Protein backbone atom coordinates (compact mmCIF):
# COMPACT_ATOMS: atom_id res chain seq x y z
CA UNK A 1 -16.36 4.44 13.61
CA UNK A 2 -13.41 3.53 11.35
CA UNK A 3 -11.37 0.39 11.20
CA UNK A 4 -8.44 2.03 13.10
CA UNK A 5 -10.96 2.80 16.06
CA UNK A 6 -12.78 -0.46 15.82
CA UNK A 7 -9.61 -2.31 16.17
CA UNK A 8 -8.40 -0.47 19.00
CA UNK A 9 -11.79 -0.26 21.04
CA UNK A 10 -12.87 -3.82 20.62
CA UNK A 11 -9.92 -6.20 19.68
CA UNK A 12 -6.74 -4.61 20.88
CA UNK A 13 -7.03 -5.87 24.58
CA UNK A 14 -7.29 -9.14 23.32
CA UNK A 15 -3.82 -9.11 22.10
CA UNK A 16 -1.98 -7.95 25.10
CA UNK A 17 -0.58 -11.14 26.04
CA UNK A 18 0.57 -11.98 22.66
CA UNK A 19 3.66 -9.78 21.60
CA UNK A 20 3.91 -11.34 18.21
CA UNK A 21 0.69 -9.76 17.25
CA UNK A 22 2.20 -6.43 17.58
CA UNK A 23 -0.65 -5.66 19.65
CA UNK A 24 -2.72 -5.43 16.27
CA UNK A 25 -0.72 -1.92 15.50
CA UNK A 26 1.05 -3.13 12.51
CA UNK A 27 0.39 -4.83 9.11
CA UNK A 28 1.90 -8.24 10.16
CA UNK A 29 2.16 -10.79 12.85
CA UNK A 30 5.81 -11.49 13.79
CA UNK A 31 7.11 -14.42 15.77
CA UNK A 32 10.64 -13.60 16.46
CA UNK A 33 11.69 -16.99 17.96
CA UNK A 34 10.13 -18.75 15.05
CA UNK A 35 11.30 -15.92 12.65
CA UNK A 36 7.63 -16.34 11.31
CA UNK A 37 5.79 -13.36 9.57
CA UNK A 38 2.16 -13.32 8.34
CA UNK A 39 -0.30 -11.09 7.08
CA UNK A 40 -3.98 -11.26 6.20
CA UNK A 41 -5.96 -9.09 3.83
CA UNK A 42 -9.78 -9.42 2.58
CA UNK A 43 -10.89 -8.01 -0.43
CA UNK A 44 -14.84 -7.16 -1.27
CA UNK A 45 -16.77 -6.73 -4.52
CA UNK A 46 -18.11 -3.08 -4.81
CA UNK A 47 -15.54 -1.84 -2.16
CA UNK A 48 -11.99 -3.34 -3.32
CA UNK A 49 -13.03 -3.88 -6.93
CA UNK A 50 -15.92 -2.23 -8.82
CA UNK A 51 -17.22 -5.13 -10.68
CA UNK A 52 -15.96 -8.81 -12.12
CA UNK A 53 -15.53 -7.29 -15.73
CA UNK A 54 -11.77 -8.18 -15.47
CA UNK A 55 -11.06 -11.31 -13.19
CA UNK A 56 -7.85 -11.88 -14.43
CA UNK A 57 -6.66 -8.36 -13.43
CA UNK A 58 -8.62 -8.33 -10.13
CA UNK A 59 -6.60 -11.42 -8.96
CA UNK A 60 -3.25 -9.51 -9.99
CA UNK A 61 -4.10 -6.51 -7.86
CA UNK A 62 -5.16 -8.66 -4.73
CA UNK A 63 -1.92 -11.05 -4.96
CA UNK A 64 0.33 -7.65 -5.12
CA UNK A 65 -1.54 -5.66 -2.44
CA UNK A 66 -1.40 -8.79 -0.16
CA UNK A 67 2.20 -9.57 -0.54
CA UNK A 68 3.07 -5.76 -0.16
CA UNK A 69 2.51 -5.89 3.60
CA UNK A 70 5.51 -8.27 3.80
CA UNK A 71 7.81 -6.59 1.49
CA UNK A 72 7.50 -3.21 3.26
CA UNK A 73 8.62 -5.09 6.29
CA UNK A 74 11.69 -6.18 4.83
CA UNK A 75 10.58 -9.78 4.43
CA UNK A 76 10.26 -11.85 1.03
CA UNK A 77 6.81 -13.40 0.67
CA UNK A 78 7.20 -17.28 0.30
CA UNK A 79 3.66 -18.85 0.61
CA UNK A 80 0.30 -17.48 0.11
CA UNK A 81 -3.22 -18.92 0.93
CA UNK A 82 -6.53 -17.78 -0.81
CA UNK A 83 -9.95 -18.14 0.34
CA UNK A 84 -12.78 -17.03 -2.10
CA UNK A 85 -16.26 -16.44 -1.98
CA UNK A 86 -17.48 -17.15 -5.71
CA UNK A 87 -20.85 -16.40 -7.29
CA UNK A 88 -22.17 -17.91 -10.43
CA UNK A 89 -20.56 -15.55 -12.90
CA UNK A 90 -17.16 -16.11 -11.47
CA UNK A 91 -17.51 -19.62 -11.62
CA UNK A 92 -17.82 -19.90 -15.29
CA UNK A 93 -15.09 -21.92 -16.84
CA UNK A 94 -13.60 -19.01 -18.77
CA UNK A 95 -13.53 -16.89 -15.98
CA UNK A 96 -11.94 -19.59 -13.63
CA UNK A 97 -9.27 -20.16 -16.73
CA UNK A 98 -8.48 -16.30 -16.59
CA UNK A 99 -8.06 -16.35 -12.94
CA UNK A 100 -5.75 -19.29 -12.73
CA UNK A 101 -3.67 -18.02 -15.56
CA UNK A 102 -3.31 -14.63 -14.08
CA UNK A 103 -2.36 -16.41 -10.80
CA UNK A 104 0.04 -18.64 -12.18
CA UNK A 105 1.91 -15.59 -13.79
CA UNK A 106 1.85 -13.75 -10.43
CA UNK A 107 3.19 -16.84 -8.36
CA UNK A 108 6.05 -17.09 -10.92
CA UNK A 109 6.83 -13.40 -10.97
CA UNK A 110 7.37 -13.04 -7.48
CA UNK A 111 8.29 -16.83 -6.55
CA UNK A 112 5.60 -17.43 -4.20
CA UNK A 113 3.93 -20.73 -3.67
CA UNK A 114 0.13 -21.33 -3.51
CA UNK A 115 -0.51 -23.36 -0.24
CA UNK A 116 -4.18 -23.61 0.43
CA UNK A 117 -7.03 -21.70 1.26
CA UNK A 118 -11.15 -22.24 1.16
CA UNK A 119 -13.88 -21.73 -1.54
CA UNK A 120 -17.42 -20.72 -0.74
CA UNK A 121 -20.39 -19.55 -2.69
CA UNK A 122 -21.79 -16.29 -2.44
CA UNK A 123 -23.81 -13.55 -4.47
CA UNK A 124 -21.30 -11.11 -3.48
CA UNK A 125 -17.71 -12.16 -4.04
CA UNK A 126 -14.79 -11.64 -1.93
CA UNK A 127 -11.05 -12.94 -1.64
CA UNK A 128 -9.03 -13.36 1.59
CA UNK A 129 -5.20 -13.80 1.25
CA UNK A 130 -2.74 -14.90 3.92
CA UNK A 131 0.96 -14.27 3.02
CA UNK A 132 3.72 -15.94 4.93
CA UNK A 133 7.39 -15.36 4.94
CA UNK A 134 10.20 -15.78 7.16
CA UNK A 135 12.71 -13.21 8.86
CA UNK A 136 14.99 -12.53 11.82
CA UNK A 137 14.00 -8.94 11.80
CA UNK A 138 11.14 -6.63 10.51
CA UNK A 139 10.84 -2.99 10.24
CA UNK A 140 7.81 -1.99 12.22
CA UNK A 141 5.83 1.08 12.74
CA UNK A 142 6.40 3.54 15.42
CA UNK A 143 10.33 3.44 15.19
CA UNK A 144 10.84 6.79 13.59
CA UNK A 145 13.35 8.96 14.86
CA UNK A 146 13.18 12.94 15.18
CA UNK A 147 14.90 14.43 12.02
CA UNK A 148 14.36 11.07 9.87
CA UNK A 149 13.88 11.78 6.31
CA UNK A 150 10.51 10.54 4.80
CA UNK A 151 10.86 8.45 1.79
CA UNK A 152 8.45 7.00 -0.75
CA UNK A 153 9.00 4.58 -3.67
CA UNK A 154 7.73 4.87 -6.99
CA UNK A 155 4.77 7.26 -7.98
CA UNK A 156 1.43 8.26 -6.20
CA UNK A 157 -1.58 8.83 -7.69
CA UNK A 158 -1.80 6.90 -10.92
CA UNK A 159 -4.13 4.06 -9.29
CA UNK A 160 -6.56 6.50 -7.65
CA UNK A 161 -6.77 8.50 -11.30
CA UNK A 162 -7.63 4.89 -12.87
CA UNK A 163 -10.42 4.44 -10.48
CA UNK A 164 -11.55 8.08 -11.21
CA UNK A 165 -11.48 7.22 -14.88
CA UNK A 166 -13.39 3.95 -14.52
CA UNK A 167 -16.13 5.85 -12.41
CA UNK A 168 -16.29 8.47 -15.07
CA UNK A 169 -15.35 11.36 -12.59
CA UNK A 170 -12.66 12.55 -14.78
CA UNK A 171 -11.91 12.18 -18.40
CA UNK A 172 -8.77 11.60 -20.40
CA UNK A 173 -7.75 10.23 -24.02
CA UNK A 174 -7.73 6.42 -24.63
CA UNK A 175 -3.88 6.00 -24.23
CA UNK A 176 -3.88 8.03 -20.90
CA UNK A 177 -6.80 6.16 -19.78
CA UNK A 178 -5.52 2.59 -20.65
CA UNK A 179 -2.06 3.60 -18.75
CA UNK A 180 -4.02 4.64 -15.36
CA UNK A 181 -6.22 1.49 -15.53
CA UNK A 182 -3.36 -0.40 -15.67
CA UNK A 183 -1.69 1.18 -12.83
CA UNK A 184 -5.01 0.40 -10.77
CA UNK A 185 -4.97 -3.10 -11.60
CA UNK A 186 -1.34 -3.93 -11.51
CA UNK A 187 0.67 -1.80 -9.25
CA UNK A 188 4.28 -1.89 -9.87
CA UNK A 189 5.50 -3.38 -6.38
CA UNK A 190 9.17 -2.16 -5.25
CA UNK A 191 9.69 -5.92 -4.76
CA UNK A 192 13.60 -6.11 -4.60
CA UNK A 193 13.74 -3.07 -1.81
CA UNK A 194 12.69 -6.03 0.64
CA UNK A 195 16.20 -7.06 0.88
CA UNK A 196 17.54 -3.64 1.96
CA UNK A 197 14.68 -2.01 3.98
CA UNK A 198 16.25 -3.86 7.34
CA UNK A 199 19.26 -2.10 6.48
CA UNK A 200 18.42 1.55 5.78
CA UNK A 201 14.66 2.05 7.54
CA UNK A 202 13.86 2.88 10.97
CA UNK A 203 10.02 2.68 10.42
CA UNK A 204 8.19 1.33 7.27
CA UNK A 205 4.68 0.46 5.73
CA UNK A 206 3.04 0.11 2.44
CA UNK A 207 0.88 3.09 0.99
CA UNK A 208 -2.35 1.10 0.67
CA UNK A 209 -4.95 3.61 2.01
CA UNK A 210 -3.22 6.97 1.32
CA UNK A 211 0.21 8.87 1.82
CA UNK A 212 -0.88 11.06 4.73
CA UNK A 213 -3.29 8.79 6.53
CA UNK A 214 -0.58 5.85 6.34
CA UNK A 215 2.18 8.26 7.40
CA UNK A 216 0.08 8.99 10.47
CA UNK A 217 -0.57 5.41 11.14
CA UNK A 218 3.19 4.63 10.94
CA UNK A 219 3.69 6.97 13.90
CA UNK A 220 0.64 6.87 15.66
CA UNK A 221 2.14 6.28 19.04
CA UNK A 222 4.82 8.54 19.06
CA UNK A 223 4.89 12.16 20.08
CA UNK A 224 6.52 13.02 16.73
CA UNK A 225 4.93 15.16 13.94
CA UNK A 226 5.98 15.32 9.95
CA UNK A 227 6.61 17.92 7.53
CA UNK A 228 5.90 17.10 3.64
CA UNK A 229 6.52 19.06 0.74
CA UNK A 230 3.78 18.39 -1.87
CA UNK A 231 6.08 19.44 -4.68
CA UNK A 232 8.47 16.69 -3.76
CA UNK A 233 5.97 13.87 -3.70
CA UNK A 234 6.55 11.75 -6.89
CA UNK A 235 4.15 11.54 -9.61
CA UNK A 236 4.31 10.14 -13.25
CA UNK A 237 4.72 12.21 -16.27
CA UNK A 238 1.05 11.24 -17.26
CA UNK A 239 -0.31 12.22 -14.12
CA UNK A 240 1.51 15.38 -14.07
CA UNK A 241 0.34 16.38 -17.89
CA UNK A 242 -3.56 15.51 -16.66
CA UNK A 243 -3.28 17.77 -13.77
CA UNK A 244 -1.84 20.59 -15.76
CA UNK A 245 -4.25 20.12 -18.82
CA UNK A 246 -7.27 20.04 -16.40
CA UNK A 247 -6.23 22.59 -13.66
CA UNK A 248 -6.41 19.91 -11.12
CA UNK A 249 -4.77 20.33 -7.89
CA UNK A 250 -2.08 17.76 -7.08
CA UNK A 251 -2.77 17.33 -3.48
CA UNK A 252 -5.98 15.73 -4.48
CA UNK A 253 -4.24 12.99 -6.13
CA UNK A 254 -1.51 11.78 -3.92
CA UNK A 255 -3.29 10.53 -0.85
CA UNK A 256 -6.00 8.39 -2.09
CA UNK A 257 -4.72 4.74 -1.83
CA UNK A 258 -3.95 1.80 -3.78
CA UNK A 259 -0.62 2.64 -4.75
CA UNK A 260 1.22 -0.11 -2.89
CA UNK A 261 4.60 1.65 -2.76
CA UNK A 262 6.90 1.67 0.37
CA UNK A 263 6.76 4.52 2.71
CA UNK A 264 9.52 4.71 5.37
CA UNK A 265 12.12 6.89 7.19
CA UNK A 266 15.56 6.79 7.67
CA UNK A 267 18.28 8.87 9.33
CA UNK A 268 19.55 11.71 7.53
CA UNK A 269 23.18 10.14 7.26
CA UNK A 270 21.68 7.38 5.09
CA UNK A 271 20.75 9.91 2.50
CA UNK A 272 23.38 9.45 -0.16
CA UNK A 273 23.50 5.78 0.63
CA UNK A 274 19.96 5.51 -0.26
CA UNK A 275 20.24 7.57 -3.36
CA UNK A 276 23.13 5.06 -4.67
CA UNK A 277 20.92 2.19 -3.55
CA UNK A 278 18.15 3.42 -5.68
CA UNK A 279 20.31 3.88 -8.84
CA UNK A 280 21.75 0.48 -8.20
CA UNK A 281 18.52 -1.46 -7.99
CA UNK A 282 16.61 0.99 -10.41
CA UNK A 283 13.61 1.86 -7.93
CA UNK A 284 12.63 5.27 -7.53
CA UNK A 285 13.06 6.30 -4.03
CA UNK A 286 12.16 10.05 -3.55
CA UNK A 287 12.79 12.04 0.05
CA UNK A 288 9.48 14.04 0.51
CA UNK A 289 9.97 15.57 4.05
CA UNK A 290 11.21 14.95 7.66
CA UNK A 291 9.92 13.89 10.92
CA UNK A 292 9.93 17.02 13.41
CA UNK A 293 8.73 18.15 16.63
CA UNK A 294 6.55 20.89 15.24
CA UNK A 295 2.72 20.63 14.31
CA UNK A 296 1.82 18.47 11.25
CA UNK A 297 2.94 20.57 7.59
CA UNK A 298 1.71 19.65 4.25
CA UNK A 299 3.51 22.41 2.51
CA UNK A 300 3.10 23.63 -1.01
CA UNK A 301 5.62 25.63 -3.26
CA UNK A 302 4.09 28.87 -1.32
CA UNK A 303 4.93 27.50 1.76
CA UNK A 304 1.16 27.30 2.67
CA UNK A 305 -0.05 24.50 4.79
CA UNK A 306 -2.39 22.36 2.89
CA UNK A 307 -3.61 20.05 5.69
CA UNK A 308 -7.03 21.87 6.44
CA UNK A 309 -7.67 22.11 2.72
CA UNK A 310 -6.85 18.50 1.47
CA UNK A 311 -10.04 16.86 0.62
CA UNK A 312 -8.62 13.43 1.68
CA UNK A 313 -5.98 12.10 3.77
CA UNK A 314 -6.74 8.56 2.69
CA UNK A 315 -9.30 5.91 2.59
CA UNK A 316 -10.90 4.54 5.89
CA UNK A 317 -13.45 1.69 5.97
CA UNK A 318 -16.48 2.94 8.02
CA UNK A 319 -18.70 0.96 10.25
CA UNK A 320 -22.24 2.44 11.07
């Protein structure tokens, strides 16, 4: 059983009397009356971060991935609460100073306030971050419309490549390795887009677990499907070169999670508006497909459907 099925089978019914929960089928809690938006995420050692070699970078990744849940809804994060289970290694003065200095920079960069939390001792470390913001409106899942264009911000696949390099699954030169590792630990959030998402998007979420998996989650209660063109999915020049040099397949890199870009749908009439917006706010926004009634399609340059041949649609936690 994966995390989606676990929630649906055991917890969904408990949320039926609380519409602000969005019935546990979105990334946030939204109390429209109070204009309150909340998201909670947990990060575990050996699952969300391999080890504790870079505590200063781990905290950056955790903060950015947490506030991403609000940004993609069109909400500016204002407060964060951090609960941490810390072991002896992480409790060393030198490591705590690294964490505090990184945390201070993140709070300043995104203009958010540390507002509380909890600390406990544990042999295996973990962090839980609650992000809070305020908004009159949010962009939810399952609001896509037929013929909507599918967009994604930034580039996909760099973070996964960094993870593959750290796990010695692939090889690259030092310059490339440093670049991809940085993208893994410090994703470049499309932060300023939160101001415009409510004006342009019909549905939206962040790409945290993988492009295809998250796209299917975004429209999981609608009788609609998607058509994606692999050639249009944006990747960095460095990843493009790495794929070419090693004769890798692009489709094996673009839906593996940790990107924290914004995936959204919008009416075709907004195409030029979004193009101009991207240029004005200097955020890369790429149309990669459309919403259809046909069967799901992931097309390559030869118009072959790659759905069956794709190794991974995204990352799922499994419970056994």
